[in-house]
Amino acid sequence: MRTQQIPREIWPTFFKKLSQKQEGWEVSLELFGPDLGSQVEERHMFLAGLTAELSDEASRPDMIEIMFRGRPSDHLTHTVIAPTQVNLQQTDLGRDLALQIKAADGMTRLLHLW
């Protein structure tokens, strides 16, 4: 397995391409944090898309949104405020396995791409 850190300046383009490639794939989302421990937030959902909004204003932090869908009426968006690092985990053959998003609040999100 290999891990690639994604530079902040290309997050919007990276997430757009990853969304196009992985849309409809089954995913699960885990949260890790000092006060929370490890917790599964979502499972057996399907990826509807990923977006990144970068800000140059100190008063407005960057945001990453992870959009899920389940049945036709089930839609959910998980928002990461003030992300600090994005890593893509892949197999040695280049298959995407997981997306790790760290945030300024100490929380880490791990989006498993099945």
C-alpha atoms as a PDB file:
ATOM      1  CA  MET A   1       0.000   0.000   0.000  1.00  0.00           C
ATOM      2  CA  ARG A   2       1.167   3.532  -0.702  1.00  0.00           C
ATOM      3  CA  THR A   3      -0.004   6.910   0.537  1.00  0.00           C
ATOM      4  CA  GLN A   4       0.153  10.113  -1.480  1.00  0.00           C
ATOM      5  CA  GLN A   5      -0.308  13.526   0.124  1.00  0.00           C
ATOM      6  CA  ILE A   6      -2.443  15.788  -2.071  1.00  0.00           C
ATOM      7  CA  PRO A   7      -1.251  19.435  -2.138  1.00  0.00           C
ATOM      8  CA  ARG A   8      -3.871  21.961  -0.951  1.00  0.00           C
ATOM      9  CA  GLU A   9      -3.739  24.017  -4.139  1.00  0.00           C
ATOM     10  CA  ILE A  10      -4.997  21.102  -6.256  1.00  0.00           C
ATOM     11  CA  TRP A  11      -7.753  19.869  -3.890  1.00  0.00           C
ATOM     12  CA  PRO A  12     -10.636  21.238  -6.048  1.00  0.00           C
ATOM     13  CA  THR A  13      -9.315  19.582  -9.220  1.00  0.00           C
ATOM     14  CA  PHE A  14      -8.316  16.390  -7.412  1.00  0.00           C
ATOM     15  CA  PHE A  15     -11.767  15.978  -5.822  1.00  0.00           C
ATOM     16  CA  LYS A  16     -13.529  16.682  -9.118  1.00  0.00           C
ATOM     17  CA  LYS A  17     -11.516  13.968 -10.887  1.00  0.00           C
ATOM     18  CA  LEU A  18     -11.886  11.514  -7.994  1.00  0.00           C
ATOM     19  CA  SER A  19     -15.657  12.137  -7.934  1.00  0.00           C
ATOM     20  CA  GLN A  20     -15.953  11.424 -11.650  1.00  0.00           C
ATOM     21  CA  LYS A  21     -13.916   8.232 -11.276  1.00  0.00           C
ATOM     22  CA  GLN A  22     -15.525   6.917  -8.074  1.00  0.00           C
ATOM     23  CA  GLU A  23     -19.130   8.188  -8.291  1.00  0.00           C
ATOM     24  CA  GLY A  24     -21.542   5.438  -7.331  1.00  0.00           C
ATOM     25  CA  TRP A  25     -18.917   3.347  -5.530  1.00  0.00           C
ATOM     26  CA  GLU A  26     -19.849   1.971  -2.143  1.00  0.00           C
ATOM     27  CA  VAL A  27     -18.121   3.887   0.640  1.00  0.00           C
ATOM     28  CA  SER A  28     -17.941   4.091   4.404  1.00  0.00           C
ATOM     29  CA  LEU A  29     -16.760   6.977   6.567  1.00  0.00           C
ATOM     30  CA  GLU A  30     -14.864   6.650   9.840  1.00  0.00           C
ATOM     31  CA  LEU A  31     -14.078   9.484  12.230  1.00  0.00           C
ATOM     32  CA  PHE A  32     -11.064   9.523  14.533  1.00  0.00           C
ATOM     33  CA  GLY A  33     -10.398  12.105  17.208  1.00  0.00           C
ATOM     34  CA  PRO A  34      -8.793  12.617  20.607  1.00  0.00           C
ATOM     35  CA  ASP A  35     -12.147  13.000  22.392  1.00  0.00           C
ATOM     36  CA  LEU A  36     -14.124  10.675  20.109  1.00  0.00           C
ATOM     37  CA  GLY A  37     -11.843   7.706  19.571  1.00  0.00           C
ATOM     38  CA  SER A  38     -12.863   5.775  16.463  1.00  0.00           C
ATOM     39  CA  GLN A  39     -16.434   5.852  15.199  1.00  0.00           C
ATOM     40  CA  VAL A  40     -18.109   4.696  11.984  1.00  0.00           C
ATOM     41  CA  GLU A  41     -20.193   7.618  10.732  1.00  0.00           C
ATOM     42  CA  GLU A  42     -21.603   6.139   7.523  1.00  0.00           C
ATOM     43  CA  ARG A  43     -21.549   2.692   5.949  1.00  0.00           C
ATOM     44  CA  HIS A  44     -23.138   1.077   2.908  1.00  0.00           C
ATOM     45  CA  MET A  45     -23.636   4.453   1.248  1.00  0.00           C
ATOM     46  CA  PHE A  46     -22.617   5.396  -2.279  1.00  0.00           C
ATOM     47  CA  LEU A  47     -20.343   8.264  -3.227  1.00  0.00           C
ATOM     48  CA  ALA A  48     -22.240  11.092  -4.903  1.00  0.00           C
ATOM     49  CA  GLY A  49     -19.303  13.502  -5.002  1.00  0.00           C
ATOM     50  CA  LEU A  50     -16.493  15.378  -3.290  1.00  0.00           C
ATOM     51  CA  THR A  51     -15.797  19.105  -3.392  1.00  0.00           C
ATOM     52  CA  ALA A  52     -13.211  21.443  -1.916  1.00  0.00           C
ATOM     53  CA  GLU A  53     -13.696  25.154  -1.393  1.00  0.00           C
ATOM     54  CA  LEU A  54     -10.443  26.988  -0.726  1.00  0.00           C
ATOM     55  CA  SER A  55     -10.451  30.381   0.960  1.00  0.00           C
ATOM     56  CA  ASP A  56      -7.841  33.125   1.081  1.00  0.00           C
ATOM     57  CA  GLU A  57      -9.673  34.858   3.929  1.00  0.00           C
ATOM     58  CA  ALA A  58      -8.575  34.147   7.492  1.00  0.00           C
ATOM     59  CA  SER A  59     -12.169  34.614   8.692  1.00  0.00           C
ATOM     60  CA  ARG A  60     -13.487  31.925   6.319  1.00  0.00           C
ATOM     61  CA  PRO A  61     -11.828  28.493   6.533  1.00  0.00           C
ATOM     62  CA  ASP A  62     -11.400  25.969   3.725  1.00  0.00           C
ATOM     63  CA  MET A  63     -14.135  23.336   3.438  1.00  0.00           C
ATOM     64  CA  ILE A  64     -14.355  19.844   1.994  1.00  0.00           C
ATOM     65  CA  GLU A  65     -17.748  18.239   1.387  1.00  0.00           C
ATOM     66  CA  ILE A  66     -18.330  14.513   1.015  1.00  0.00           C
ATOM     67  CA  MET A  67     -21.714  13.762  -0.527  1.00  0.00           C
ATOM     68  CA  PHE A  68     -23.381  10.384  -0.138  1.00  0.00           C
ATOM     69  CA  ARG A  69     -26.471   8.748  -1.528  1.00  0.00           C
ATOM     70  CA  GLY A  70     -28.266   5.580  -0.568  1.00  0.00           C
ATOM     71  CA  ARG A  71     -31.769   4.841  -1.718  1.00  0.00           C
ATOM     72  CA  PRO A  72     -33.265   7.498  -4.015  1.00  0.00           C
ATOM     73  CA  SER A  73     -34.509   9.551  -1.055  1.00  0.00           C
ATOM     74  CA  ASP A  74     -31.334   9.203   1.044  1.00  0.00           C
ATOM     75  CA  HIS A  75     -28.794  11.969   0.550  1.00  0.00           C
ATOM     76  CA  LEU A  76     -26.231  13.141   3.080  1.00  0.00           C
ATOM     77  CA  THR A  77     -23.391  15.641   3.065  1.00  0.00           C
ATOM     78  CA  HIS A  78     -20.523  15.477   5.523  1.00  0.00           C
ATOM     79  CA  THR A  79     -18.609  18.766   5.777  1.00  0.00           C
ATOM     80  CA  VAL A  80     -15.024  19.056   6.966  1.00  0.00           C
ATOM     81  CA  ILE A  81     -14.263  22.572   8.212  1.00  0.00           C
ATOM     82  CA  ALA A  82     -10.646  23.764   8.092  1.00  0.00           C
ATOM     83  CA  PRO A  83      -9.030  20.676   6.563  1.00  0.00           C
ATOM     84  CA  THR A  84      -5.254  20.654   6.940  1.00  0.00           C
ATOM     85  CA  GLN A  85      -4.149  17.574   5.031  1.00  0.00           C
ATOM     86  CA  VAL A  86      -5.532  15.163   2.425  1.00  0.00           C
ATOM     87  CA  ASN A  87      -3.927  11.769   1.716  1.00  0.00           C
ATOM     88  CA  LEU A  88      -4.926   9.172  -0.860  1.00  0.00           C
ATOM     89  CA  GLN A  89      -4.179   5.552   0.027  1.00  0.00           C
ATOM     90  CA  GLN A  90      -3.743   3.188  -2.913  1.00  0.00           C
ATOM     91  CA  THR A  91      -2.723  -0.391  -3.541  1.00  0.00           C
ATOM     92  CA  ASP A  92       0.715  -0.997  -5.015  1.00  0.00           C
ATOM     93  CA  LEU A  93      -1.065  -1.354  -8.374  1.00  0.00           C
ATOM     94  CA  GLY A  94      -2.669   2.115  -8.075  1.00  0.00           C
ATOM     95  CA  ARG A  95      -6.234   1.187  -7.050  1.00  0.00           C
ATOM     96  CA  ASP A  96      -7.757   3.796  -4.725  1.00  0.00           C
ATOM     97  CA  LEU A  97      -8.483   2.393  -1.259  1.00  0.00           C
ATOM     98  CA  ALA A  98      -9.173   5.304   1.069  1.00  0.00           C
ATOM     99  CA  LEU A  99      -9.094   9.053   1.406  1.00  0.00           C
ATOM    100  CA  GLN A 100      -7.773  10.459   4.688  1.00  0.00           C
ATOM    101  CA  ILE A 101      -8.741  14.028   5.599  1.00  0.00           C
ATOM    102  CA  LYS A 102      -7.217  15.700   8.660  1.00  0.00           C
ATOM    103  CA  ALA A 103      -8.735  18.876  10.099  1.00  0.00           C
ATOM    104  CA  ALA A 104      -7.560  21.678  12.372  1.00  0.00           C
ATOM    105  CA  ASP A 105      -9.894  20.469  15.167  1.00  0.00           C
ATOM    106  CA  GLY A 106      -7.822  17.264  15.531  1.00  0.00           C
ATOM    107  CA  MET A 107     -10.392  15.065  13.777  1.00  0.00           C
ATOM    108  CA  THR A 108      -9.427  12.712  10.970  1.00  0.00           C
ATOM    109  CA  ARG A 109     -11.913  11.336   8.461  1.00  0.00           C
ATOM    110  CA  LEU A 110     -11.181   8.112   6.616  1.00  0.00           C
ATOM    111  CA  LEU A 111     -13.363   7.542   3.561  1.00  0.00           C
ATOM    112  CA  HIS A 112     -13.076   3.898   2.490  1.00  0.00           C
ATOM    113  CA  LEU A 113     -13.577   3.382  -1.260  1.00  0.00           C
ATOM    114  CA  TRP A 114     -14.814  -0.181  -1.828  1.00  0.00           C
END
